[in-house]
Amino acid sequence: MLTNNNAMEKIVSENNISEFVYELTFNGDKNRYYVGSENRVIWFDNYGTPIVIGDLSPSETKKYKWIYSSLGTNYGVDTKGRIWMMTDHGAMINSGQVYKYSQ
């Protein structure tokens, strides 16, 4: 059985999932992540169980529109939806994209 040991919390009931607003993708990762109206980032495991893995919040600087936070790691999201990660040496790497959610 595969599990996500990095999950912040399991959603006990699917009734706790808000309507999706955004979809996140990461380079090299085939999974899809969704942001609900409560700004929680949700991943579905192999059994379809929704798991909160982070949150998306407004940025306090003009450099980014949002900050995606997951388990102590922060990623900047610019106005074009590009997700940026800073390396240990200070280089910025485009690591994904945020899209408006559409079914």
C-alpha atoms as a PDB file:
ATOM      1  CA  MET A   1       0.000   0.000   0.000  1.00  0.00           C
ATOM      2  CA  LEU A   2       1.350   3.415  -0.980  1.00  0.00           C
ATOM      3  CA  THR A   3       0.994   6.248   1.509  1.00  0.00           C
ATOM      4  CA  ASN A   4       1.969   9.896   1.579  1.00  0.00           C
ATOM      5  CA  ASN A   5       4.017  10.392   4.727  1.00  0.00           C
ATOM      6  CA  ASN A   6       4.360  14.090   3.897  1.00  0.00           C
ATOM      7  CA  ALA A   7       0.654  14.861   4.169  1.00  0.00           C
ATOM      8  CA  MET A   8      -0.377  17.668   6.450  1.00  0.00           C
ATOM      9  CA  GLU A   9      -3.785  16.145   7.118  1.00  0.00           C
ATOM     10  CA  LYS A  10      -6.179  13.633   5.687  1.00  0.00           C
ATOM     11  CA  ILE A  11      -9.614  14.937   4.851  1.00  0.00           C
ATOM     12  CA  VAL A  12     -11.971  12.779   6.866  1.00  0.00           C
ATOM     13  CA  SER A  13     -14.944  13.241   4.573  1.00  0.00           C
ATOM     14  CA  GLU A  14     -15.136  14.249   0.930  1.00  0.00           C
ATOM     15  CA  ASN A  15     -17.861  16.644   2.073  1.00  0.00           C
ATOM     16  CA  ASN A  16     -15.007  18.727   3.572  1.00  0.00           C
ATOM     17  CA  ILE A  17     -13.582  19.448   0.106  1.00  0.00           C
ATOM     18  CA  SER A  18     -14.418  22.884  -1.200  1.00  0.00           C
ATOM     19  CA  GLU A  19     -14.943  23.672  -4.859  1.00  0.00           C
ATOM     20  CA  PHE A  20     -11.664  23.626  -6.796  1.00  0.00           C
ATOM     21  CA  VAL A  21     -10.334  26.972  -8.002  1.00  0.00           C
ATOM     22  CA  TYR A  22      -6.830  26.143  -9.276  1.00  0.00           C
ATOM     23  CA  GLU A  23      -4.835  23.148 -10.467  1.00  0.00           C
ATOM     24  CA  LEU A  24      -1.092  22.829  -9.799  1.00  0.00           C
ATOM     25  CA  THR A  25       1.397  20.809 -11.798  1.00  0.00           C
ATOM     26  CA  PHE A  26       5.089  20.315 -11.065  1.00  0.00           C
ATOM     27  CA  ASN A  27       7.840  19.584 -13.571  1.00  0.00           C
ATOM     28  CA  GLY A  28       8.669  15.863 -13.583  1.00  0.00           C
ATOM     29  CA  ASP A  29       5.625  14.977 -11.438  1.00  0.00           C
ATOM     30  CA  LYS A  30       2.651  13.278 -13.113  1.00  0.00           C
ATOM     31  CA  ASN A  31       0.356  14.011 -10.171  1.00  0.00           C
ATOM     32  CA  ARG A  32      -2.188  16.819 -10.212  1.00  0.00           C
ATOM     33  CA  TYR A  33      -2.813  19.008  -7.190  1.00  0.00           C
ATOM     34  CA  TYR A  34      -5.893  21.124  -6.608  1.00  0.00           C
ATOM     35  CA  VAL A  35      -6.568  24.301  -4.672  1.00  0.00           C
ATOM     36  CA  GLY A  36      -9.998  24.678  -3.136  1.00  0.00           C
ATOM     37  CA  SER A  37     -11.791  27.911  -2.311  1.00  0.00           C
ATOM     38  CA  GLU A  38     -10.267  27.626   1.200  1.00  0.00           C
ATOM     39  CA  ASN A  39      -6.750  27.823  -0.368  1.00  0.00           C
ATOM     40  CA  ARG A  40      -5.810  24.319   0.756  1.00  0.00           C
ATOM     41  CA  VAL A  41      -3.689  22.336  -1.719  1.00  0.00           C
ATOM     42  CA  ILE A  42      -5.174  18.860  -2.108  1.00  0.00           C
ATOM     43  CA  TRP A  43      -3.669  15.712  -3.593  1.00  0.00           C
ATOM     44  CA  PHE A  44      -5.605  12.483  -4.182  1.00  0.00           C
ATOM     45  CA  ASP A  45      -3.759   9.272  -3.290  1.00  0.00           C
ATOM     46  CA  ASN A  46      -3.972   6.029  -5.299  1.00  0.00           C
ATOM     47  CA  TYR A  47      -7.279   5.205  -3.591  1.00  0.00           C
ATOM     48  CA  GLY A  48      -8.876   8.562  -4.363  1.00  0.00           C
ATOM     49  CA  THR A  49      -8.514   9.779  -0.790  1.00  0.00           C
ATOM     50  CA  PRO A  50      -8.112  13.578  -0.666  1.00  0.00           C
ATOM     51  CA  ILE A  51      -5.113  14.710   1.390  1.00  0.00           C
ATOM     52  CA  VAL A  52      -4.144  18.292   2.232  1.00  0.00           C
ATOM     53  CA  ILE A  53      -0.457  18.768   1.434  1.00  0.00           C
ATOM     54  CA  GLY A  54      -0.118  22.551   1.700  1.00  0.00           C
ATOM     55  CA  ASP A  55      -1.753  25.912   1.191  1.00  0.00           C
ATOM     56  CA  LEU A  56      -1.729  28.804  -1.253  1.00  0.00           C
ATOM     57  CA  SER A  57      -1.754  32.269   0.292  1.00  0.00           C
ATOM     58  CA  PRO A  58      -1.342  35.828  -1.010  1.00  0.00           C
ATOM     59  CA  SER A  59       2.268  36.973  -1.142  1.00  0.00           C
ATOM     60  CA  GLU A  60       3.386  39.781   1.149  1.00  0.00           C
ATOM     61  CA  THR A  61       5.793  41.047  -1.539  1.00  0.00           C
ATOM     62  CA  LYS A  62       5.233  42.324  -5.066  1.00  0.00           C
ATOM     63  CA  LYS A  63       7.630  39.723  -6.454  1.00  0.00           C
ATOM     64  CA  TYR A  64       4.988  36.974  -6.264  1.00  0.00           C
ATOM     65  CA  LYS A  65       1.212  36.829  -6.426  1.00  0.00           C
ATOM     66  CA  TRP A  66       0.973  33.819  -4.090  1.00  0.00           C
ATOM     67  CA  ILE A  67       3.128  31.662  -1.878  1.00  0.00           C
ATOM     68  CA  TYR A  68       2.610  27.897  -1.988  1.00  0.00           C
ATOM     69  CA  SER A  69       3.668  26.351   1.331  1.00  0.00           C
ATOM     70  CA  SER A  70       4.083  22.674   2.035  1.00  0.00           C
ATOM     71  CA  LEU A  71       5.818  21.150   5.062  1.00  0.00           C
ATOM     72  CA  GLY A  72       8.038  24.150   5.713  1.00  0.00           C
ATOM     73  CA  THR A  73       9.012  24.694   2.074  1.00  0.00           C
ATOM     74  CA  ASN A  74       7.771  27.831   0.320  1.00  0.00           C
ATOM     75  CA  TYR A  75       7.440  28.343  -3.411  1.00  0.00           C
ATOM     76  CA  GLY A  76       6.714  31.683  -5.073  1.00  0.00           C
ATOM     77  CA  VAL A  77       3.969  31.869  -7.706  1.00  0.00           C
ATOM     78  CA  ASP A  78       4.247  34.787 -10.125  1.00  0.00           C
ATOM     79  CA  THR A  79       1.410  36.630 -11.903  1.00  0.00           C
ATOM     80  CA  LYS A  80       1.620  34.207 -14.859  1.00  0.00           C
ATOM     81  CA  GLY A  81       1.110  31.212 -12.560  1.00  0.00           C
ATOM     82  CA  ARG A  82       4.687  29.955 -12.735  1.00  0.00           C
ATOM     83  CA  ILE A  83       5.871  28.237  -9.544  1.00  0.00           C
ATOM     84  CA  TRP A  84       9.404  29.137  -8.470  1.00  0.00           C
ATOM     85  CA  MET A  85      11.716  27.381  -6.047  1.00  0.00           C
ATOM     86  CA  MET A  86      14.971  28.754  -4.652  1.00  0.00           C
ATOM     87  CA  THR A  87      17.930  26.367  -4.618  1.00  0.00           C
ATOM     88  CA  ASP A  88      20.389  26.143  -1.731  1.00  0.00           C
ATOM     89  CA  HIS A  89      22.709  28.401  -3.737  1.00  0.00           C
ATOM     90  CA  GLY A  90      20.083  31.117  -4.337  1.00  0.00           C
ATOM     91  CA  ALA A  91      19.205  30.293  -7.953  1.00  0.00           C
ATOM     92  CA  MET A  92      15.517  30.446  -8.872  1.00  0.00           C
ATOM     93  CA  ILE A  93      14.156  27.432 -10.756  1.00  0.00           C
ATOM     94  CA  ASN A  94      10.773  27.248 -12.469  1.00  0.00           C
ATOM     95  CA  SER A  95       9.326  24.118 -10.921  1.00  0.00           C
ATOM     96  CA  GLY A  96       5.702  24.120 -12.011  1.00  0.00           C
ATOM     97  CA  GLN A  97       2.558  25.964 -13.040  1.00  0.00           C
ATOM     98  CA  VAL A  98      -0.758  27.034 -11.518  1.00  0.00           C
ATOM     99  CA  TYR A  99      -3.792  26.963 -13.815  1.00  0.00           C
ATOM    100  CA  LYS A 100      -7.361  28.102 -13.357  1.00  0.00           C
ATOM    101  CA  TYR A 101      -9.326  24.916 -12.647  1.00  0.00           C
ATOM    102  CA  SER A 102     -11.682  23.675 -15.353  1.00  0.00           C
ATOM    103  CA  GLN A 103     -13.480  20.343 -15.342  1.00  0.00           C
END
